[in-house]
Amino acid sequence: MPYLALVLFLPWFLLLGALFWLFPRQPRGRWRWRFDLAALLAAFALGFAGMQWGYALGLADAGTGPIWKQVLATLVAYGAFLAALLAAVALRAYWLGRKASS
């Protein structure tokens, strides 16, 4: 039942993904569209993998209650998603800065 974390955070992931996709508004080219799509897919995949891993960590600890498996899965998924998006924002800012200076 690790998918509860995904269901609970999917609206927030969609909101963060939409903000990543929409801003900054310019420049919009084919490379930027592909990069943003790849970054969002990678962030979602890492969040999903983190959710699975966090839930498995919660299962391994027999002393925790049933809710803590979900809490740990959610925290790890959220951290992995944010880390991937922050890395993509930094790469995109670097690329846009290089493109503007040349």
PDB file of N, CA and C in Angstrom:
ATOM      1  N   MET A   1       0.803  -1.203   0.000  1.00  0.00           N
ATOM      2  CA  MET A   1       0.000   0.000   0.000  1.00  0.00           C
ATOM      3  C   MET A   1       0.848   1.270   0.000  1.00  0.00           C
ATOM      4  N   PRO A   2       2.015   1.252  -0.639  1.00  0.00           N
ATOM      5  CA  PRO A   2       2.822   2.472  -0.646  1.00  0.00           C
ATOM      6  C   PRO A   2       2.255   3.555  -1.553  1.00  0.00           C
ATOM      7  N   TYR A   3       1.272   3.233  -2.350  1.00  0.00           N
ATOM      8  CA  TYR A   3       0.760   4.190  -3.328  1.00  0.00           C
ATOM      9  C   TYR A   3      -0.098   5.281  -2.711  1.00  0.00           C
ATOM     10  N   LEU A   4      -0.425   5.156  -1.439  1.00  0.00           N
ATOM     11  CA  LEU A   4      -1.160   6.207  -0.758  1.00  0.00           C
ATOM     12  C   LEU A   4      -0.355   7.501  -0.761  1.00  0.00           C
ATOM     13  N   ALA A   5       0.946   7.380  -0.605  1.00  0.00           N
ATOM     14  CA  ALA A   5       1.801   8.567  -0.645  1.00  0.00           C
ATOM     15  C   ALA A   5       1.704   9.260  -1.992  1.00  0.00           C
ATOM     16  N   LEU A   6       1.672   8.490  -3.050  1.00  0.00           N
ATOM     17  CA  LEU A   6       1.566   9.074  -4.390  1.00  0.00           C
ATOM     18  C   LEU A   6       0.212   9.749  -4.575  1.00  0.00           C
ATOM     19  N   VAL A   7      -0.841   9.110  -4.125  1.00  0.00           N
ATOM     20  CA  VAL A   7      -2.181   9.680  -4.269  1.00  0.00           C
ATOM     21  C   VAL A   7      -2.292  10.987  -3.485  1.00  0.00           C
ATOM     22  N   LEU A   8      -1.720  11.012  -2.294  1.00  0.00           N
ATOM     23  CA  LEU A   8      -1.815  12.202  -1.460  1.00  0.00           C
ATOM     24  C   LEU A   8      -0.996  13.370  -2.008  1.00  0.00           C
ATOM     25  N   PHE A   9       0.145  13.086  -2.610  1.00  0.00           N
ATOM     26  CA  PHE A   9       1.013  14.151  -3.074  1.00  0.00           C
ATOM     27  C   PHE A   9       0.902  14.423  -4.566  1.00  0.00           C
ATOM     28  N   LEU A  10       0.119  13.670  -5.293  1.00  0.00           N
ATOM     29  CA  LEU A  10       0.004  13.887  -6.733  1.00  0.00           C
ATOM     30  C   LEU A  10      -0.476  15.301  -7.085  1.00  0.00           C
ATOM     31  N   PRO A  11      -1.471  15.859  -6.395  1.00  0.00           N
ATOM     32  CA  PRO A  11      -1.850  17.252  -6.730  1.00  0.00           C
ATOM     33  C   PRO A  11      -0.706  18.236  -6.511  1.00  0.00           C
ATOM     34  N   TRP A  12       0.063  18.053  -5.461  1.00  0.00           N
ATOM     35  CA  TRP A  12       1.180  18.954  -5.197  1.00  0.00           C
ATOM     36  C   TRP A  12       2.283  18.764  -6.237  1.00  0.00           C
ATOM     37  N   PHE A  13       2.544  17.520  -6.618  1.00  0.00           N
ATOM     38  CA  PHE A  13       3.516  17.256  -7.669  1.00  0.00           C
ATOM     39  C   PHE A  13       3.062  17.895  -8.975  1.00  0.00           C
ATOM     40  N   LEU A  14       1.779  17.815  -9.285  1.00  0.00           N
ATOM     41  CA  LEU A  14       1.254  18.424 -10.513  1.00  0.00           C
ATOM     42  C   LEU A  14       1.382  19.942 -10.470  1.00  0.00           C
ATOM     43  N   LEU A  15       1.125  20.543  -9.320  1.00  0.00           N
ATOM     44  CA  LEU A  15       1.252  21.993  -9.186  1.00  0.00           C
ATOM     45  C   LEU A  15       2.703  22.427  -9.359  1.00  0.00           C
ATOM     46  N   LEU A  16       3.623  21.762  -8.684  1.00  0.00           N
ATOM     47  CA  LEU A  16       5.043  22.104  -8.840  1.00  0.00           C
ATOM     48  C   LEU A  16       5.516  21.865 -10.266  1.00  0.00           C
ATOM     49  N   GLY A  17       5.060  20.777 -10.875  1.00  0.00           N
ATOM     50  CA  GLY A  17       5.420  20.501 -12.256  1.00  0.00           C
ATOM     51  C   GLY A  17       4.894  21.553 -13.208  1.00  0.00           C
ATOM     52  N   ALA A  18       3.676  22.016 -12.981  1.00  0.00           N
ATOM     53  CA  ALA A  18       3.102  23.070 -13.836  1.00  0.00           C
ATOM     54  C   ALA A  18       3.881  24.372 -13.692  1.00  0.00           C
ATOM     55  N   LEU A  19       4.271  24.714 -12.479  1.00  0.00           N
ATOM     56  CA  LEU A  19       5.070  25.927 -12.279  1.00  0.00           C
ATOM     57  C   LEU A  19       6.432  25.803 -12.949  1.00  0.00           C
ATOM     58  N   PHE A  20       7.023  24.626 -12.868  1.00  0.00           N
ATOM     59  CA  PHE A  20       8.301  24.397 -13.540  1.00  0.00           C
ATOM     60  C   PHE A  20       8.135  24.542 -15.051  1.00  0.00           C
ATOM     61  N   TRP A  21       7.055  24.013 -15.576  1.00  0.00           N
ATOM     62  CA  TRP A  21       6.812  24.041 -17.022  1.00  0.00           C
ATOM     63  C   TRP A  21       6.540  25.467 -17.518  1.00  0.00           C
ATOM     64  N   LEU A  22       5.795  26.237 -16.745  1.00  0.00           N
ATOM     65  CA  LEU A  22       5.339  27.545 -17.212  1.00  0.00           C
ATOM     66  C   LEU A  22       6.342  28.679 -17.037  1.00  0.00           C
ATOM     67  N   PHE A  23       7.236  28.576 -16.061  1.00  0.00           N
ATOM     68  CA  PHE A  23       8.133  29.695 -15.766  1.00  0.00           C
ATOM     69  C   PHE A  23       9.571  29.284 -15.937  1.00  0.00           C
ATOM     70  N   PRO A  24      10.434  30.092 -16.494  1.00  0.00           N
ATOM     71  CA  PRO A  24      10.142  31.357 -17.153  1.00  0.00           C
ATOM     72  C   PRO A  24       9.461  31.132 -18.496  1.00  0.00           C
ATOM     73  N   ARG A  25       8.735  32.128 -18.925  1.00  0.00           N
ATOM     74  CA  ARG A  25       7.902  31.980 -20.124  1.00  0.00           C
ATOM     75  C   ARG A  25       8.715  31.982 -21.425  1.00  0.00           C
ATOM     76  N   GLN A  26       9.840  32.666 -21.424  1.00  0.00           N
ATOM     77  CA  GLN A  26      10.646  32.748 -22.642  1.00  0.00           C
ATOM     78  C   GLN A  26      12.064  32.356 -22.319  1.00  0.00           C
ATOM     79  N   PRO A  27      12.843  31.819 -23.159  1.00  0.00           N
ATOM     80  CA  PRO A  27      12.556  31.375 -24.517  1.00  0.00           C
ATOM     81  C   PRO A  27      11.895  30.009 -24.534  1.00  0.00           C
ATOM     82  N   ARG A  28      11.078  29.791 -25.515  1.00  0.00           N
ATOM     83  CA  ARG A  28      10.382  28.515 -25.691  1.00  0.00           C
ATOM     84  C   ARG A  28      10.776  27.922 -27.034  1.00  0.00           C
ATOM     85  N   GLY A  29      11.595  26.937 -26.988  1.00  0.00           N
ATOM     86  CA  GLY A  29      11.998  26.269 -28.216  1.00  0.00           C
ATOM     87  C   GLY A  29      11.796  24.773 -28.077  1.00  0.00           C
ATOM     88  N   ARG A  30      12.175  24.081 -29.113  1.00  0.00           N
ATOM     89  CA  ARG A  30      12.027  22.627 -29.101  1.00  0.00           C
ATOM     90  C   ARG A  30      12.909  22.000 -28.030  1.00  0.00           C
ATOM     91  N   TRP A  31      14.147  22.506 -27.888  1.00  0.00           N
ATOM     92  CA  TRP A  31      15.062  21.964 -26.889  1.00  0.00           C
ATOM     93  C   TRP A  31      14.516  22.174 -25.484  1.00  0.00           C
ATOM     94  N   ARG A  32      13.991  23.351 -25.235  1.00  0.00           N
ATOM     95  CA  ARG A  32      13.448  23.663 -23.911  1.00  0.00           C
ATOM     96  C   ARG A  32      12.249  22.772 -23.610  1.00  0.00           C
ATOM     97  N   TRP A  33      11.374  22.570 -24.583  1.00  0.00           N
ATOM     98  CA  TRP A  33      10.194  21.726 -24.383  1.00  0.00           C
ATOM     99  C   TRP A  33      10.627  20.304 -24.049  1.00  0.00           C
ATOM    100  N   ARG A  34      11.595  19.786 -24.776  1.00  0.00           N
ATOM    101  CA  ARG A  34      12.079  18.424 -24.536  1.00  0.00           C
ATOM    102  C   ARG A  34      12.776  18.305 -23.191  1.00  0.00           C
ATOM    103  N   PHE A  35      13.585  19.298 -22.850  1.00  0.00           N
ATOM    104  CA  PHE A  35      14.269  19.274 -21.564  1.00  0.00           C
ATOM    105  C   PHE A  35      13.272  19.290 -20.415  1.00  0.00           C
ATOM    106  N   ASP A  36      12.278  20.182 -20.481  1.00  0.00           N
ATOM    107  CA  ASP A  36      11.276  20.266 -19.420  1.00  0.00           C
ATOM    108  C   ASP A  36      10.495  18.971 -19.286  1.00  0.00           C
ATOM    109  N   LEU A  37      10.122  18.377 -20.395  1.00  0.00           N
ATOM    110  CA  LEU A  37       9.390  17.118 -20.347  1.00  0.00           C
ATOM    111  C   LEU A  37      10.248  16.010 -19.743  1.00  0.00           C
ATOM    112  N   ALA A  38      11.503  15.923 -20.157  1.00  0.00           N
ATOM    113  CA  ALA A  38      12.395  14.903 -19.608  1.00  0.00           C
ATOM    114  C   ALA A  38      12.632  15.128 -18.117  1.00  0.00           C
ATOM    115  N   ALA A  39      12.775  16.383 -17.719  1.00  0.00           N
ATOM    116  CA  ALA A  39      12.997  16.688 -16.304  1.00  0.00           C
ATOM    117  C   ALA A  39      11.775  16.316 -15.462  1.00  0.00           C
ATOM    118  N   LEU A  40      10.583  16.600 -15.957  1.00  0.00           N
ATOM    119  CA  LEU A  40       9.378  16.257 -15.210  1.00  0.00           C
ATOM    120  C   LEU A  40       9.176  14.746 -15.121  1.00  0.00           C
ATOM    121  N   LEU A  41       9.450  14.055 -16.204  1.00  0.00           N
ATOM    122  CA  LEU A  41       9.342  12.592 -16.169  1.00  0.00           C
ATOM    123  C   LEU A  41      10.370  11.989 -15.217  1.00  0.00           C
ATOM    124  N   ALA A  42      11.586  12.522 -15.229  1.00  0.00           N
ATOM    125  CA  ALA A  42      12.614  12.032 -14.313  1.00  0.00           C
ATOM    126  C   ALA A  42      12.247  12.331 -12.866  1.00  0.00           C
ATOM    127  N   ALA A  43      11.707  13.514 -12.599  1.00  0.00           N
ATOM    128  CA  ALA A  43      11.313  13.862 -11.234  1.00  0.00           C
ATOM    129  C   ALA A  43      10.191  12.949 -10.748  1.00  0.00           C
ATOM    130  N   PHE A  44       9.229  12.683 -11.609  1.00  0.00           N
ATOM    131  CA  PHE A  44       8.140  11.789 -11.215  1.00  0.00           C
ATOM    132  C   PHE A  44       8.663  10.376 -10.980  1.00  0.00           C
ATOM    133  N   ALA A  45       9.549   9.902 -11.857  1.00  0.00           N
ATOM    134  CA  ALA A  45      10.109   8.551 -11.692  1.00  0.00           C
ATOM    135  C   ALA A  45      10.927   8.450 -10.412  1.00  0.00           C
ATOM    136  N   LEU A  46      11.730   9.472 -10.113  1.00  0.00           N
ATOM    137  CA  LEU A  46      12.500   9.455  -8.873  1.00  0.00           C
ATOM    138  C   LEU A  46      11.598   9.539  -7.650  1.00  0.00           C
ATOM    139  N   GLY A  47      10.530  10.319  -7.738  1.00  0.00           N
ATOM    140  CA  GLY A  47       9.571  10.373  -6.642  1.00  0.00           C
ATOM    141  C   GLY A  47       8.892   9.035  -6.414  1.00  0.00           C
ATOM    142  N   PHE A  48       8.548   8.368  -7.496  1.00  0.00           N
ATOM    143  CA  PHE A  48       7.911   7.052  -7.393  1.00  0.00           C
ATOM    144  C   PHE A  48       8.882   6.031  -6.796  1.00  0.00           C
ATOM    145  N   ALA A  49      10.134   6.056  -7.263  1.00  0.00           N
ATOM    146  CA  ALA A  49      11.137   5.132  -6.721  1.00  0.00           C
ATOM    147  C   ALA A  49      11.413   5.440  -5.251  1.00  0.00           C
ATOM    148  N   GLY A  50      11.462   6.714  -4.911  1.00  0.00           N
ATOM    149  CA  GLY A  50      11.655   7.093  -3.515  1.00  0.00           C
ATOM    150  C   GLY A  50      10.503   6.652  -2.637  1.00  0.00           C
ATOM    151  N   MET A  51       9.302   6.708  -3.178  1.00  0.00           N
ATOM    152  CA  MET A  51       8.136   6.256  -2.432  1.00  0.00           C
ATOM    153  C   MET A  51       8.244   4.764  -2.137  1.00  0.00           C
ATOM    154  N   GLN A  52       8.631   3.996  -3.128  1.00  0.00           N
ATOM    155  CA  GLN A  52       8.793   2.554  -2.940  1.00  0.00           C
ATOM    156  C   GLN A  52       9.878   2.261  -1.903  1.00  0.00           C
ATOM    157  N   TRP A  53      10.988   2.960  -2.010  1.00  0.00           N
ATOM    158  CA  TRP A  53      12.101   2.749  -1.100  1.00  0.00           C
ATOM    159  C   TRP A  53      11.731   3.158   0.324  1.00  0.00           C
ATOM    160  N   GLY A  54      11.081   4.302   0.482  1.00  0.00           N
ATOM    161  CA  GLY A  54      10.668   4.758   1.811  1.00  0.00           C
ATOM    162  C   GLY A  54       9.688   3.803   2.468  1.00  0.00           C
ATOM    163  N   TYR A  55       8.777   3.268   1.687  1.00  0.00           N
ATOM    164  CA  TYR A  55       7.824   2.312   2.244  1.00  0.00           C
ATOM    165  C   TYR A  55       8.537   1.023   2.652  1.00  0.00           C
ATOM    166  N   ALA A  56       9.497   0.592   1.847  1.00  0.00           N
ATOM    167  CA  ALA A  56      10.264  -0.612   2.192  1.00  0.00           C
ATOM    168  C   ALA A  56      11.078  -0.388   3.468  1.00  0.00           C
ATOM    169  N   LEU A  57      11.618   0.805   3.642  1.00  0.00           N
ATOM    170  CA  LEU A  57      12.338   1.112   4.884  1.00  0.00           C
ATOM    171  C   LEU A  57      11.395   1.065   6.079  1.00  0.00           C
ATOM    172  N   GLY A  58      10.187   1.580   5.911  1.00  0.00           N
ATOM    173  CA  GLY A  58       9.199   1.540   6.993  1.00  0.00           C
ATOM    174  C   GLY A  58       8.776   0.126   7.330  1.00  0.00           C
ATOM    175  N   LEU A  59       8.682  -0.729   6.325  1.00  0.00           N
ATOM    176  CA  LEU A  59       8.330  -2.129   6.568  1.00  0.00           C
ATOM    177  C   LEU A  59       9.435  -2.867   7.312  1.00  0.00           C
ATOM    178  N   ALA A  60      10.676  -2.486   7.048  1.00  0.00           N
ATOM    179  CA  ALA A  60      11.806  -3.180   7.657  1.00  0.00           C
ATOM    180  C   ALA A  60      11.886  -2.928   9.162  1.00  0.00           C
ATOM    181  N   ASP A  61      11.369  -1.806   9.621  1.00  0.00           N
ATOM    182  CA  ASP A  61      11.407  -1.488  11.048  1.00  0.00           C
ATOM    183  C   ASP A  61      10.123  -1.974  11.698  1.00  0.00           C
ATOM    184  N   ALA A  62      10.214  -3.054  12.452  1.00  0.00           N
ATOM    185  CA  ALA A  62       9.023  -3.675  13.045  1.00  0.00           C
ATOM    186  C   ALA A  62       8.436  -2.850  14.177  1.00  0.00           C
ATOM    187  N   GLY A  63       9.175  -1.913  14.725  1.00  0.00           N
ATOM    188  CA  GLY A  63       8.698  -1.143  15.861  1.00  0.00           C
ATOM    189  C   GLY A  63       7.825   0.043  15.497  1.00  0.00           C
ATOM    190  N   THR A  64       7.654   0.323  14.226  1.00  0.00           N
ATOM    191  CA  THR A  64       6.858   1.483  13.827  1.00  0.00           C
ATOM    192  C   THR A  64       5.403   1.099  13.643  1.00  0.00           C
ATOM    193  N   GLY A  65       4.549   2.084  13.804  1.00  0.00           N
ATOM    194  CA  GLY A  65       3.130   1.864  13.575  1.00  0.00           C
ATOM    195  C   GLY A  65       2.818   1.885  12.091  1.00  0.00           C
ATOM    196  N   PRO A  66       1.593   1.553  11.724  1.00  0.00           N
ATOM    197  CA  PRO A  66       1.248   1.465  10.300  1.00  0.00           C
ATOM    198  C   PRO A  66       1.292   2.810   9.571  1.00  0.00           C
ATOM    199  N   ILE A  67       1.044   3.908  10.267  1.00  0.00           N
ATOM    200  CA  ILE A  67       1.025   5.203   9.595  1.00  0.00           C
ATOM    201  C   ILE A  67       2.427   5.668   9.210  1.00  0.00           C
ATOM    202  N   TRP A  68       3.431   5.250   9.969  1.00  0.00           N
ATOM    203  CA  TRP A  68       4.777   5.751   9.714  1.00  0.00           C
ATOM    204  C   TRP A  68       5.369   5.208   8.433  1.00  0.00           C
ATOM    205  N   LYS A  69       4.899   4.076   7.973  1.00  0.00           N
ATOM    206  CA  LYS A  69       5.345   3.586   6.662  1.00  0.00           C
ATOM    207  C   LYS A  69       4.921   4.565   5.574  1.00  0.00           C
ATOM    208  N   GLN A  70       3.693   5.041   5.677  1.00  0.00           N
ATOM    209  CA  GLN A  70       3.177   6.004   4.697  1.00  0.00           C
ATOM    210  C   GLN A  70       3.877   7.353   4.823  1.00  0.00           C
ATOM    211  N   VAL A  71       4.123   7.772   6.060  1.00  0.00           N
ATOM    212  CA  VAL A  71       4.790   9.053   6.276  1.00  0.00           C
ATOM    213  C   VAL A  71       6.198   9.023   5.691  1.00  0.00           C
ATOM    214  N   LEU A  72       6.933   7.971   5.957  1.00  0.00           N
ATOM    215  CA  LEU A  72       8.283   7.854   5.427  1.00  0.00           C
ATOM    216  C   LEU A  72       8.267   7.775   3.897  1.00  0.00           C
ATOM    217  N   ALA A  73       7.336   7.023   3.350  1.00  0.00           N
ATOM    218  CA  ALA A  73       7.230   6.933   1.890  1.00  0.00           C
ATOM    219  C   ALA A  73       6.935   8.298   1.283  1.00  0.00           C
ATOM    220  N   THR A  74       6.064   9.065   1.914  1.00  0.00           N
ATOM    221  CA  THR A  74       5.719  10.391   1.417  1.00  0.00           C
ATOM    222  C   THR A  74       6.908  11.334   1.500  1.00  0.00           C
ATOM    223  N   LEU A  75       7.613  11.313   2.610  1.00  0.00           N
ATOM    224  CA  LEU A  75       8.763  12.208   2.775  1.00  0.00           C
ATOM    225  C   LEU A  75       9.875  11.906   1.779  1.00  0.00           C
ATOM    226  N   VAL A  76      10.155  10.646   1.577  1.00  0.00           N
ATOM    227  CA  VAL A  76      11.216  10.285   0.637  1.00  0.00           C
ATOM    228  C   VAL A  76      10.791  10.628  -0.798  1.00  0.00           C
ATOM    229  N   ALA A  77       9.533  10.362  -1.137  1.00  0.00           N
ATOM    230  CA  ALA A  77       9.043  10.695  -2.477  1.00  0.00           C
ATOM    231  C   ALA A  77       9.107  12.193  -2.726  1.00  0.00           C
ATOM    232  N   TYR A  78       8.691  12.973  -1.756  1.00  0.00           N
ATOM    233  CA  TYR A  78       8.703  14.424  -1.890  1.00  0.00           C
ATOM    234  C   TYR A  78      10.132  14.939  -2.011  1.00  0.00           C
ATOM    235  N   GLY A  79      11.035  14.410  -1.208  1.00  0.00           N
ATOM    236  CA  GLY A  79      12.431  14.829  -1.281  1.00  0.00           C
ATOM    237  C   GLY A  79      13.062  14.498  -2.622  1.00  0.00           C
ATOM    238  N   ALA A  80      12.794  13.310  -3.128  1.00  0.00           N
ATOM    239  CA  ALA A  80      13.356  12.916  -4.422  1.00  0.00           C
ATOM    240  C   ALA A  80      12.785  13.775  -5.548  1.00  0.00           C
ATOM    241  N   PHE A  81      11.489  14.048  -5.509  1.00  0.00           N
ATOM    242  CA  PHE A  81      10.852  14.879  -6.532  1.00  0.00           C
ATOM    243  C   PHE A  81      11.435  16.293  -6.514  1.00  0.00           C
ATOM    244  N   LEU A  82      11.541  16.867  -5.319  1.00  0.00           N
ATOM    245  CA  LEU A  82      12.085  18.226  -5.220  1.00  0.00           C
ATOM    246  C   LEU A  82      13.547  18.290  -5.627  1.00  0.00           C
ATOM    247  N   ALA A  83      14.326  17.295  -5.251  1.00  0.00           N
ATOM    248  CA  ALA A  83      15.742  17.285  -5.635  1.00  0.00           C
ATOM    249  C   ALA A  83      15.886  17.241  -7.152  1.00  0.00           C
ATOM    250  N   ALA A  84      15.082  16.427  -7.805  1.00  0.00           N
ATOM    251  CA  ALA A  84      15.147  16.344  -9.268  1.00  0.00           C
ATOM    252  C   ALA A  84      14.714  17.660  -9.908  1.00  0.00           C
ATOM    253  N   LEU A  85      13.661  18.271  -9.391  1.00  0.00           N
ATOM    254  CA  LEU A  85      13.212  19.544  -9.968  1.00  0.00           C
ATOM    255  C   LEU A  85      14.216  20.661  -9.717  1.00  0.00           C
ATOM    256  N   LEU A  86      14.814  20.693  -8.544  1.00  0.00           N
ATOM    257  CA  LEU A  86      15.813  21.730  -8.261  1.00  0.00           C
ATOM    258  C   LEU A  86      17.038  21.570  -9.149  1.00  0.00           C
ATOM    259  N   ALA A  87      17.459  20.345  -9.386  1.00  0.00           N
ATOM    260  CA  ALA A  87      18.573  20.121 -10.299  1.00  0.00           C
ATOM    261  C   ALA A  87      18.205  20.569 -11.714  1.00  0.00           C
ATOM    262  N   ALA A  88      16.975  20.297 -12.133  1.00  0.00           N
ATOM    263  CA  ALA A  88      16.535  20.710 -13.467  1.00  0.00           C
ATOM    264  C   ALA A  88      16.442  22.226 -13.572  1.00  0.00           C
ATOM    265  N   VAL A  89      15.990  22.889 -12.518  1.00  0.00           N
ATOM    266  CA  VAL A  89      15.918  24.352 -12.526  1.00  0.00           C
ATOM    267  C   VAL A  89      17.320  24.938 -12.647  1.00  0.00           C
ATOM    268  N   ALA A  90      18.265  24.384 -11.906  1.00  0.00           N
ATOM    269  CA  ALA A  90      19.642  24.883 -11.967  1.00  0.00           C
ATOM    270  C   ALA A  90      20.244  24.656 -13.357  1.00  0.00           C
ATOM    271  N   LEU A  91      20.041  23.484 -13.930  1.00  0.00           N
ATOM    272  CA  LEU A  91      20.557  23.215 -15.276  1.00  0.00           C
ATOM    273  C   LEU A  91      19.916  24.125 -16.315  1.00  0.00           C
ATOM    274  N   ARG A  92      18.627  24.325 -16.186  1.00  0.00           N
ATOM    275  CA  ARG A  92      17.931  25.180 -17.152  1.00  0.00           C
ATOM    276  C   ARG A  92      18.384  26.632 -17.011  1.00  0.00           C
ATOM    277  N   ALA A  93      18.570  27.108 -15.790  1.00  0.00           N
ATOM    278  CA  ALA A  93      19.040  28.478 -15.581  1.00  0.00           C
ATOM    279  C   ALA A  93      20.439  28.650 -16.151  1.00  0.00           C
ATOM    280  N   TYR A  94      21.290  27.663 -15.958  1.00  0.00           N
ATOM    281  CA  TYR A  94      22.637  27.705 -16.529  1.00  0.00           C
ATOM    282  C   TYR A  94      22.566  27.760 -18.053  1.00  0.00           C
ATOM    283  N   TRP A  95      21.733  26.920 -18.628  1.00  0.00           N
ATOM    284  CA  TRP A  95      21.604  26.877 -20.080  1.00  0.00           C
ATOM    285  C   TRP A  95      21.033  28.189 -20.622  1.00  0.00           C
ATOM    286  N   LEU A  96      20.004  28.722 -19.963  1.00  0.00           N
ATOM    287  CA  LEU A  96      19.414  29.977 -20.422  1.00  0.00           C
ATOM    288  C   LEU A  96      20.397  31.138 -20.275  1.00  0.00           C
ATOM    289  N   GLY A  97      21.195  31.119 -19.205  1.00  0.00           N
ATOM    290  CA  GLY A  97      22.206  32.156 -19.020  1.00  0.00           C
ATOM    291  C   GLY A  97      23.281  32.099 -20.077  1.00  0.00           C
ATOM    292  N   ARG A  98      23.723  30.907 -20.431  1.00  0.00           N
ATOM    293  CA  ARG A  98      24.717  30.750 -21.483  1.00  0.00           C
ATOM    294  C   ARG A  98      24.165  31.179 -22.828  1.00  0.00           C
ATOM    295  N   LYS A  99      22.893  30.844 -23.068  1.00  0.00           N
ATOM    296  CA  LYS A  99      22.281  31.181 -24.352  1.00  0.00           C
ATOM    297  C   LYS A  99      22.104  32.698 -24.478  1.00  0.00           C
ATOM    298  N   ALA A 100      21.757  33.373 -23.362  1.00  0.00           N
ATOM    299  CA  ALA A 100      21.556  34.813 -23.408  1.00  0.00           C
ATOM    300  C   ALA A 100      22.876  35.567 -23.606  1.00  0.00           C
ATOM    301  N   SER A 101      23.971  35.022 -23.075  1.00  0.00           N
ATOM    302  CA  SER A 101      25.254  35.715 -23.201  1.00  0.00           C
ATOM    303  C   SER A 101      25.907  35.522 -24.567  1.00  0.00           C
ATOM    304  N   SER A 102      25.492  34.494 -25.282  1.00  0.00           N
ATOM    305  CA  SER A 102      26.125  34.261 -26.596  1.00  0.00           C
ATOM    306  C   SER A 102      25.347  34.854 -27.745  1.00  0.00           C
TER     307      SER A 102
END
